[in-house]
Amino acid sequence: MTVNPVGSYPLAGVDFSIAGQSGTIYKTNLDNAILAGKRIHNAFAPHELNQPLVAYDNTDVTPGTDIITVVGHTLVNGMAVKNVNDQEPSDPPAPLVDAVTYYVVGVAGNDFQLAATVGGAAIDLTDAGTGANVLTPQPAMFVQLDAGFVWDGSTLTEKALQTTAIIVKPSANPRIDRITVNPTTGVFTLTAGVEAGSPVPPAIPAGNFPNCQIALTTATTAISNVEITDERALWISDAIPSIEKGAASGVATLDGSGNVVEPVLHILTNSVDDSIQTDTGIIKSLTIPANTLLADGQMLRLMMAGTKSGTVESKTVQIRFGTSPTLLDNISLATAALGWSVELVIIRKSATTARGYIRTYKNTSSVYTLNAASGLALSGLNFATSQTFDANVSVSSGTSNVTHVVSSIEVAK
């Protein structure tokens, strides 16, 4: 896969070259963008236990060891289950009884056992039962994380659905626990908070990214989505490559050979609001935290778009970036221009320099046209401190408004 350095954002089926698009093409791109967004949204999504039914029959039961063997089951120790007959006549292994809650213990690969209490001794199965049966998981003290992709620097790997161990409710006061995820392995860490009248979540472990908070009380007997607060500030998908222009081919490369490897995409921040500037001054400002780009070759992609009211007055919108933001480009909104947008890519070259490109658009007569596109060579930066990305009205006539509508910052590492 290769990507033109000033070409479209590499999400399959989405064409971001919006100049002169017809309504039909625009709708197709919008539909494909929505599908891509859903893919990002679902990655490592935290939720209540959503465990599939586990079907077994008498041939899967070994009474001598009290083990039930089901290939590919996803049960974990501590899960609560009830047995139901899948067909008549059938009976569970004695002494199990239908519609009674049992707890999973002794999970080892495809094998597991059942106990009468959480973590208790395995029930002594005196026979294999008859016919087909089904174990139905019950609401319990678990949280699950949906599958997602991770990048370890050389391999893109899908991390399958993950389930926590049983989460013990607090004994005296409420408690907030937190789940975080390692960005290169995809493995989660569950960190218990401290019980208190007004509890606070525990700190995020170094090197991990936040996933969710879990609010627990002494009365909590099963964790539902109500108790889970999604904290994902980034997520993983087919990402923007770290781009360097190939000297001969003119295509984006990561390793100089014409091959682009897809790294992790971190959605650093999104903003949807109607910030307004009538006179000169900043319309919208976003801050990139210190040390966001830690290594040479890492990349920021920044997008911002907005509107201008009225067709009588002219405005000029400056696009600025940096430690102390400096001018990168001007968008001249003439009397007929009713919208504006900018796409900015910044690639760290050293601790104080960067390269990239900027494209700006303006909307006239309901058609977005390319305002300007150019390469950038930035100096005087300090990536160890915060950076600013903003849009500033520098020339203003009359009382028409320049409005910010949406912006986002993404990091490819």
Protein backbone atom coordinates (compact mmCIF):
# COMPACT_ATOMS: atom_id res chain seq x y z
CA MET A 1 0.00 0.00 0.00
CA THR A 2 1.29 3.47 -0.87
CA VAL A 3 -0.14 6.83 -0.02
CA ASN A 4 0.34 10.06 -1.91
CA PRO A 5 1.79 12.57 0.61
CA VAL A 6 -0.90 15.09 -0.29
CA GLY A 7 -3.52 12.48 -1.13
CA SER A 8 -6.52 11.03 0.63
CA TYR A 9 -6.65 9.91 4.24
CA PRO A 10 -6.21 6.09 4.02
CA LEU A 11 -9.54 4.74 5.25
CA ALA A 12 -10.86 2.20 2.77
CA GLY A 13 -13.62 3.57 0.58
CA VAL A 14 -13.33 7.18 1.77
CA ASP A 15 -12.23 9.88 -0.68
CA PHE A 16 -11.19 13.01 1.17
CA SER A 17 -10.45 14.98 -2.01
CA ILE A 18 -13.68 16.93 -1.64
CA ALA A 19 -13.16 19.59 -4.30
CA GLY A 20 -16.17 19.68 -6.63
CA GLN A 21 -17.78 16.46 -5.35
CA SER A 22 -21.29 15.70 -6.54
CA GLY A 23 -24.02 14.98 -4.00
CA THR A 24 -23.95 11.25 -4.85
CA ILE A 25 -20.19 10.93 -4.37
CA TYR A 26 -20.35 12.99 -1.19
CA LYS A 27 -23.03 10.67 0.27
CA THR A 28 -20.99 7.58 -0.64
CA ASN A 29 -17.93 9.04 1.09
CA LEU A 30 -20.02 10.00 4.11
CA ASP A 31 -21.46 6.47 4.38
CA ASN A 32 -18.00 4.92 4.15
CA ALA A 33 -16.64 7.36 6.74
CA ILE A 34 -19.45 6.36 9.11
CA LEU A 35 -18.53 2.67 8.70
CA ALA A 36 -14.88 3.50 9.39
CA GLY A 37 -15.93 5.48 12.45
CA LYS A 38 -17.89 2.52 13.79
CA ARG A 39 -14.80 0.36 13.44
CA ILE A 40 -12.79 2.83 15.49
CA HIS A 41 -15.63 3.20 18.00
CA ASN A 42 -15.89 -0.55 18.69
CA ALA A 43 -12.16 -1.16 19.26
CA PHE A 44 -11.58 -2.21 22.89
CA ALA A 45 -15.06 -0.96 23.81
CA PRO A 46 -15.79 -1.76 27.49
CA HIS A 47 -19.18 -3.24 28.37
CA GLU A 48 -21.07 -5.51 30.73
CA LEU A 49 -20.67 -9.28 30.49
CA ASN A 50 -22.06 -10.45 27.17
CA GLN A 51 -21.14 -14.10 27.28
CA PRO A 52 -22.39 -16.58 24.64
CA LEU A 53 -24.27 -19.70 25.66
CA VAL A 54 -22.12 -22.79 26.22
CA ALA A 55 -23.67 -25.94 24.75
CA TYR A 56 -22.48 -29.40 25.82
CA ASP A 57 -23.75 -32.97 25.98
CA ASN A 58 -23.01 -36.09 27.99
CA THR A 59 -19.97 -36.96 25.83
CA ASP A 60 -18.28 -33.72 26.98
CA VAL A 61 -18.48 -34.65 30.69
CA THR A 62 -15.84 -36.67 32.58
CA PRO A 63 -17.35 -37.65 35.97
CA GLY A 64 -14.05 -39.02 37.32
CA THR A 65 -12.42 -35.57 37.17
CA ASP A 66 -15.62 -33.46 37.35
CA ILE A 67 -14.49 -31.72 34.12
CA ILE A 68 -16.68 -30.44 31.29
CA THR A 69 -14.84 -29.96 27.99
CA VAL A 70 -16.15 -27.50 25.38
CA VAL A 71 -13.81 -26.51 22.57
CA GLY A 72 -13.47 -22.74 22.23
CA HIS A 73 -15.54 -21.73 25.26
CA THR A 74 -14.80 -18.29 26.70
CA LEU A 75 -15.79 -18.89 30.31
CA VAL A 76 -13.51 -17.56 33.05
CA ASN A 77 -13.26 -18.48 36.71
CA GLY A 78 -15.97 -16.88 38.82
CA MET A 79 -18.63 -16.58 36.12
CA ALA A 80 -22.14 -17.48 37.23
CA VAL A 81 -24.08 -19.92 35.01
CA LYS A 82 -27.36 -21.82 35.04
CA ASN A 83 -28.03 -25.11 33.28
CA VAL A 84 -31.01 -25.50 30.93
CA ASN A 85 -32.07 -28.48 28.83
CA ASP A 86 -31.37 -27.95 25.15
CA GLN A 87 -33.73 -30.74 24.17
CA GLU A 88 -36.01 -33.28 25.83
CA PRO A 89 -35.41 -35.73 27.29
CA SER A 90 -32.06 -34.58 28.70
CA ASP A 91 -30.60 -34.06 32.15
CA PRO A 92 -27.49 -32.28 33.44
CA PRO A 93 -24.72 -34.27 35.10
CA ALA A 94 -25.79 -35.29 38.60
CA PRO A 95 -26.04 -33.63 41.08
CA LEU A 96 -26.49 -30.45 38.93
CA VAL A 97 -30.04 -29.15 38.72
CA ASP A 98 -31.62 -26.96 36.06
CA ALA A 99 -32.10 -23.22 36.80
CA VAL A 100 -29.73 -23.26 39.80
CA THR A 101 -26.77 -20.85 39.78
CA TYR A 102 -23.31 -22.43 39.71
CA TYR A 103 -19.88 -20.80 39.40
CA VAL A 104 -17.10 -21.60 36.96
CA VAL A 105 -13.82 -22.85 38.47
CA GLY A 106 -10.78 -24.74 37.23
CA VAL A 107 -10.65 -23.20 33.76
CA ALA A 108 -7.79 -24.74 31.77
CA GLY A 109 -7.98 -24.39 28.00
CA ASN A 110 -11.18 -26.09 26.83
CA ASP A 111 -11.81 -27.61 30.29
CA PHE A 112 -13.72 -26.18 33.23
CA GLN A 113 -15.56 -27.27 36.38
CA LEU A 114 -18.52 -25.94 38.33
CA ALA A 115 -18.79 -25.02 42.01
CA ALA A 116 -21.63 -24.06 44.33
CA THR A 117 -19.87 -20.83 45.40
CA VAL A 118 -17.42 -18.38 43.85
CA GLY A 119 -13.97 -19.96 44.04
CA GLY A 120 -15.38 -23.00 45.86
CA ALA A 121 -14.52 -26.66 45.44
CA ALA A 122 -15.54 -28.33 42.18
CA ILE A 123 -18.84 -30.21 42.45
CA ASP A 124 -18.37 -33.98 42.38
CA LEU A 125 -20.15 -35.09 39.20
CA THR A 126 -21.45 -38.61 39.69
CA ASP A 127 -22.56 -39.16 36.09
CA ALA A 128 -22.33 -37.49 32.67
CA GLY A 129 -26.02 -36.64 32.39
CA THR A 130 -28.05 -37.33 29.26
CA GLY A 131 -28.64 -35.54 26.00
CA ALA A 132 -27.81 -31.94 25.18
CA ASN A 133 -27.60 -29.15 27.77
CA VAL A 134 -26.74 -25.46 27.75
CA LEU A 135 -25.01 -23.27 30.35
CA THR A 136 -26.43 -19.74 30.32
CA PRO A 137 -24.15 -17.06 31.81
CA GLN A 138 -25.77 -14.83 34.44
CA PRO A 139 -25.16 -11.13 35.24
CA ALA A 140 -21.99 -10.98 37.29
CA MET A 141 -19.07 -8.86 38.48
CA PHE A 142 -17.12 -8.76 35.21
CA VAL A 143 -16.28 -6.25 32.48
CA GLN A 144 -15.47 -7.23 28.92
CA LEU A 145 -13.39 -5.37 26.30
CA ASP A 146 -14.19 -5.88 22.63
CA ALA A 147 -11.47 -6.86 20.18
CA GLY A 148 -9.10 -4.29 18.68
CA PHE A 149 -5.83 -3.99 16.73
CA VAL A 150 -2.43 -3.08 18.23
CA TRP A 151 0.91 -2.21 16.64
CA ASP A 152 4.15 -3.26 18.36
CA GLY A 153 6.49 -1.53 15.92
CA SER A 154 6.68 -4.40 13.45
CA THR A 155 3.40 -6.35 13.49
CA LEU A 156 -0.26 -5.39 13.39
CA THR A 157 -2.12 -7.85 15.62
CA GLU A 158 -5.76 -8.26 16.54
CA LYS A 159 -6.37 -8.65 20.27
CA ALA A 160 -9.45 -10.79 20.86
CA LEU A 161 -12.32 -10.09 23.28
CA GLN A 162 -11.01 -9.87 26.86
CA THR A 163 -12.82 -10.50 30.15
CA THR A 164 -11.66 -9.34 33.57
CA ALA A 165 -11.38 -11.64 36.54
CA ILE A 166 -14.27 -11.34 38.98
CA ILE A 167 -14.37 -7.84 40.49
CA VAL A 168 -15.01 -7.83 44.24
CA LYS A 169 -17.49 -5.23 45.44
CA PRO A 170 -16.41 -2.75 48.15
CA SER A 171 -17.05 -3.71 51.76
CA ALA A 172 -17.87 -0.38 53.47
CA ASN A 173 -17.90 2.59 51.04
CA PRO A 174 -18.20 3.19 47.28
CA ARG A 175 -15.15 2.59 45.10
CA ILE A 176 -14.13 3.46 41.53
CA ASP A 177 -11.94 0.98 39.67
CA ARG A 178 -10.20 1.71 36.38
CA ILE A 179 -9.27 -0.39 33.35
CA THR A 180 -6.33 0.68 31.16
CA VAL A 181 -4.81 -0.88 28.06
CA ASN A 182 -1.20 -1.34 26.95
CA PRO A 183 -1.00 0.26 23.47
CA THR A 184 1.49 -2.23 22.03
CA THR A 185 0.14 -5.51 23.48
CA GLY A 186 -3.54 -4.66 23.86
CA VAL A 187 -3.56 -6.35 27.28
CA PHE A 188 -5.72 -4.63 29.89
CA THR A 189 -4.87 -3.81 33.50
CA LEU A 190 -7.58 -3.57 36.16
CA THR A 191 -6.60 -1.19 38.97
CA ALA A 192 -8.78 -1.09 42.08
CA GLY A 193 -9.56 2.28 43.62
CA VAL A 194 -9.82 3.17 47.29
CA GLU A 195 -13.14 3.00 49.14
CA ALA A 196 -14.37 6.42 50.27
CA GLY A 197 -17.52 8.44 50.78
CA SER A 198 -16.60 10.38 47.62
CA PRO A 199 -14.29 7.99 45.76
CA VAL A 200 -11.89 8.99 43.00
CA PRO A 201 -10.48 6.72 40.28
CA PRO A 202 -6.95 5.37 40.67
CA ALA A 203 -4.09 6.83 38.64
CA ILE A 204 -3.47 5.58 35.11
CA PRO A 205 -0.42 3.23 35.13
CA ALA A 206 2.59 4.58 33.24
CA GLY A 207 2.63 3.50 29.60
CA ASN A 208 -1.05 2.53 29.50
CA PHE A 209 -4.03 4.34 28.04
CA PRO A 210 -7.36 4.82 29.84
CA ASN A 211 -10.22 2.52 28.86
CA CYS A 212 -13.01 2.90 31.43
CA GLN A 213 -14.01 3.58 35.03
CA ILE A 214 -16.23 1.20 37.02
CA ALA A 215 -18.41 2.68 39.79
CA LEU A 216 -19.07 0.16 42.57
CA THR A 217 -21.11 0.26 45.76
CA THR A 218 -21.56 -2.19 48.62
CA ALA A 219 -24.87 -3.21 47.01
CA THR A 220 -23.39 -4.02 43.59
CA THR A 221 -24.01 -7.67 42.70
CA ALA A 222 -23.59 -7.43 38.92
CA ILE A 223 -21.82 -4.85 36.75
CA SER A 224 -23.98 -3.37 34.00
CA ASN A 225 -23.20 -0.70 31.41
CA VAL A 226 -24.68 1.86 33.82
CA GLU A 227 -21.69 1.39 36.14
CA ILE A 228 -19.15 1.67 33.29
CA THR A 229 -17.85 5.03 32.05
CA ASP A 230 -15.99 4.82 28.73
CA GLU A 231 -12.67 6.72 28.93
CA ARG A 232 -11.09 5.80 25.60
CA ALA A 233 -9.22 8.92 24.51
CA LEU A 234 -7.58 7.21 21.54
CA TRP A 235 -8.26 4.19 19.51
CA ILE A 236 -6.77 1.79 17.12
CA SER A 237 -7.68 1.27 13.48
CA ASP A 238 -6.21 1.37 10.01
CA ALA A 239 -4.05 4.38 10.70
CA ILE A 240 -2.46 7.26 8.94
CA PRO A 241 1.09 6.24 8.05
CA SER A 242 4.08 8.21 9.20
CA ILE A 243 4.90 9.91 5.89
CA GLU A 244 8.22 10.79 4.31
CA LYS A 245 8.29 11.62 0.61
CA GLY A 246 10.25 9.05 -1.39
CA ALA A 247 13.05 10.73 -3.27
CA ALA A 248 12.37 8.93 -6.56
CA SER A 249 8.86 7.56 -6.39
CA GLY A 250 7.08 10.50 -4.77
CA VAL A 251 5.03 8.14 -2.60
CA ALA A 252 4.80 7.99 1.17
CA THR A 253 7.22 5.55 2.78
CA LEU A 254 8.03 4.57 6.31
CA ASP A 255 11.21 2.62 5.60
CA GLY A 256 12.44 4.20 2.37
CA SER A 257 11.50 1.14 0.30
CA GLY A 258 8.05 2.25 -0.84
CA ASN A 259 6.27 0.14 1.79
CA VAL A 260 3.97 1.80 4.28
CA VAL A 261 3.35 0.04 7.57
CA GLU A 262 0.13 0.93 9.36
CA PRO A 263 0.88 2.07 12.93
CA VAL A 264 -1.41 2.82 15.84
CA LEU A 265 -3.75 5.78 15.45
CA HIS A 266 -4.37 7.78 18.58
CA ILE A 267 -7.39 10.08 18.44
CA LEU A 268 -5.94 12.75 20.67
CA THR A 269 -8.92 15.09 20.79
CA ASN A 270 -12.13 15.90 18.98
CA SER A 271 -14.18 19.08 19.27
CA VAL A 272 -17.66 19.87 17.99
CA ASP A 273 -18.95 23.29 18.96
CA ASP A 274 -19.96 26.65 17.54
CA SER A 275 -17.15 28.94 18.67
CA ILE A 276 -17.73 32.30 16.99
CA GLN A 277 -15.50 35.24 16.13
CA THR A 278 -17.09 38.38 14.68
CA ASP A 279 -14.05 40.64 14.87
CA THR A 280 -10.36 39.77 14.73
CA GLY A 281 -9.12 37.12 17.18
CA ILE A 282 -8.94 33.38 17.77
CA ILE A 283 -11.94 31.30 16.65
CA LYS A 284 -10.73 27.96 18.03
CA SER A 285 -7.53 26.80 19.73
CA LEU A 286 -6.49 23.20 20.45
CA THR A 287 -3.55 22.18 22.62
CA ILE A 288 -1.29 19.23 21.82
CA PRO A 289 0.17 18.01 25.15
CA ALA A 290 3.90 18.01 25.82
CA ASN A 291 5.79 14.96 24.55
CA THR A 292 2.97 13.92 22.22
CA LEU A 293 5.57 13.32 19.50
CA LEU A 294 8.34 11.49 21.35
CA ALA A 295 10.29 10.07 18.42
CA ASP A 296 11.38 11.29 15.00
CA GLY A 297 8.99 10.19 12.26
CA GLN A 298 5.88 10.29 14.43
CA MET A 299 3.03 12.28 12.97
CA LEU A 300 0.13 14.56 13.85
CA ARG A 301 -2.86 15.02 11.57
CA LEU A 302 -4.96 18.07 12.41
CA MET A 303 -8.30 19.04 10.88
CA MET A 304 -10.55 22.01 11.46
CA ALA A 305 -13.60 23.31 9.61
CA GLY A 306 -16.14 26.07 9.97
CA THR A 307 -18.47 28.53 8.28
CA LYS A 308 -18.85 32.24 7.54
CA SER A 309 -22.20 33.97 7.74
CA GLY A 310 -23.25 36.48 5.13
CA THR A 311 -22.17 37.05 1.53
CA VAL A 312 -21.36 40.74 1.73
CA GLU A 313 -18.22 40.92 3.87
CA SER A 314 -14.74 39.42 3.56
CA LYS A 315 -12.76 37.65 6.28
CA THR A 316 -9.26 36.17 6.49
CA VAL A 317 -8.65 33.10 8.67
CA GLN A 318 -5.07 32.39 9.72
CA ILE A 319 -3.99 28.78 10.40
CA ARG A 320 -1.25 28.66 13.03
CA PHE A 321 0.80 25.97 14.75
CA GLY A 322 3.74 25.69 17.13
CA THR A 323 5.20 26.17 20.60
CA SER A 324 4.24 29.82 20.19
CA PRO A 325 1.86 29.45 17.28
CA THR A 326 3.16 30.94 14.04
CA LEU A 327 1.35 31.54 10.77
CA LEU A 328 1.27 28.65 8.31
CA ASP A 329 -1.38 29.79 5.84
CA ASN A 330 -4.23 32.24 5.23
CA ILE A 331 -7.73 31.35 4.05
CA SER A 332 -9.20 34.39 2.33
CA LEU A 333 -12.97 34.21 2.57
CA ALA A 334 -14.32 36.54 -0.06
CA THR A 335 -17.84 37.88 0.05
CA ALA A 336 -19.35 34.74 -1.47
CA ALA A 337 -17.37 32.23 0.61
CA LEU A 338 -19.54 30.49 3.18
CA GLY A 339 -17.29 27.74 4.55
CA TRP A 340 -13.67 26.91 5.25
CA SER A 341 -11.55 23.90 6.27
CA VAL A 342 -7.92 22.96 6.79
CA GLU A 343 -5.95 19.72 6.88
CA LEU A 344 -2.49 19.88 8.43
CA VAL A 345 0.06 17.07 8.72
CA ILE A 346 3.10 17.52 10.98
CA ILE A 347 5.92 14.93 11.02
CA ARG A 348 8.60 15.24 13.69
CA LYS A 349 12.08 15.50 12.15
CA SER A 350 13.93 16.31 15.35
CA ALA A 351 13.20 17.62 18.84
CA THR A 352 12.80 21.14 17.40
CA THR A 353 11.96 20.69 13.71
CA ALA A 354 9.18 19.15 11.65
CA ARG A 355 8.04 18.68 8.08
CA GLY A 356 4.61 18.23 6.62
CA TYR A 357 1.99 19.79 4.42
CA ILE A 358 -1.09 21.96 4.70
CA ARG A 359 -4.22 22.08 2.54
CA THR A 360 -6.96 24.67 2.97
CA TYR A 361 -10.38 24.81 1.35
CA LYS A 362 -13.12 27.36 1.02
CA ASN A 363 -16.74 26.88 0.05
CA THR A 364 -18.21 29.05 -2.67
CA SER A 365 -21.62 28.34 -4.22
CA SER A 366 -21.87 25.09 -2.20
CA VAL A 367 -18.70 23.62 -3.79
CA TYR A 368 -15.48 23.22 -1.79
CA THR A 369 -12.44 24.24 -3.81
CA LEU A 370 -8.77 23.93 -2.95
CA ASN A 371 -7.56 27.24 -1.54
CA ALA A 372 -3.89 26.30 -1.16
CA ALA A 373 -1.60 23.31 -0.71
CA SER A 374 2.06 23.44 0.18
CA GLY A 375 4.87 21.59 1.87
CA LEU A 376 6.14 22.79 5.23
CA ALA A 377 9.53 22.97 6.94
CA LEU A 378 9.05 24.09 10.55
CA SER A 379 11.77 25.05 13.01
CA GLY A 380 11.97 26.58 16.45
CA LEU A 381 9.59 24.00 17.91
CA ASN A 382 9.97 22.25 21.25
CA PHE A 383 8.13 18.92 21.28
CA ALA A 384 8.92 18.50 24.99
CA THR A 385 6.38 21.26 25.66
CA SER A 386 2.79 21.71 24.52
CA GLN A 387 1.99 22.85 20.97
CA THR A 388 -0.94 24.97 19.82
CA PHE A 389 -3.11 24.56 16.70
CA ASP A 390 -5.53 27.40 16.11
CA ALA A 391 -7.60 29.37 13.64
CA ASN A 392 -7.41 33.15 13.99
CA VAL A 393 -9.37 35.87 12.19
CA SER A 394 -6.74 38.43 11.14
CA VAL A 395 -8.79 40.56 8.73
CA SER A 396 -12.42 41.33 9.43
CA SER A 397 -14.96 43.61 7.81
CA GLY A 398 -18.51 44.12 8.97
CA THR A 399 -20.44 42.04 11.47
CA SER A 400 -20.67 38.62 9.81
CA ASN A 401 -19.46 35.72 11.97
CA VAL A 402 -16.70 33.18 11.38
CA THR A 403 -17.67 29.98 13.20
CA HIS A 404 -15.79 26.84 14.20
CA VAL A 405 -17.86 23.68 13.61
CA VAL A 406 -15.58 20.66 14.07
CA SER A 407 -11.92 19.83 14.67
CA SER A 408 -9.79 16.83 15.51
CA ILE A 409 -6.19 15.91 16.22
CA GLU A 410 -4.86 12.40 15.53
CA VAL A 411 -1.43 10.94 16.26
CA ALA A 412 0.18 8.13 14.27
CA LYS A 413 3.00 6.35 16.11
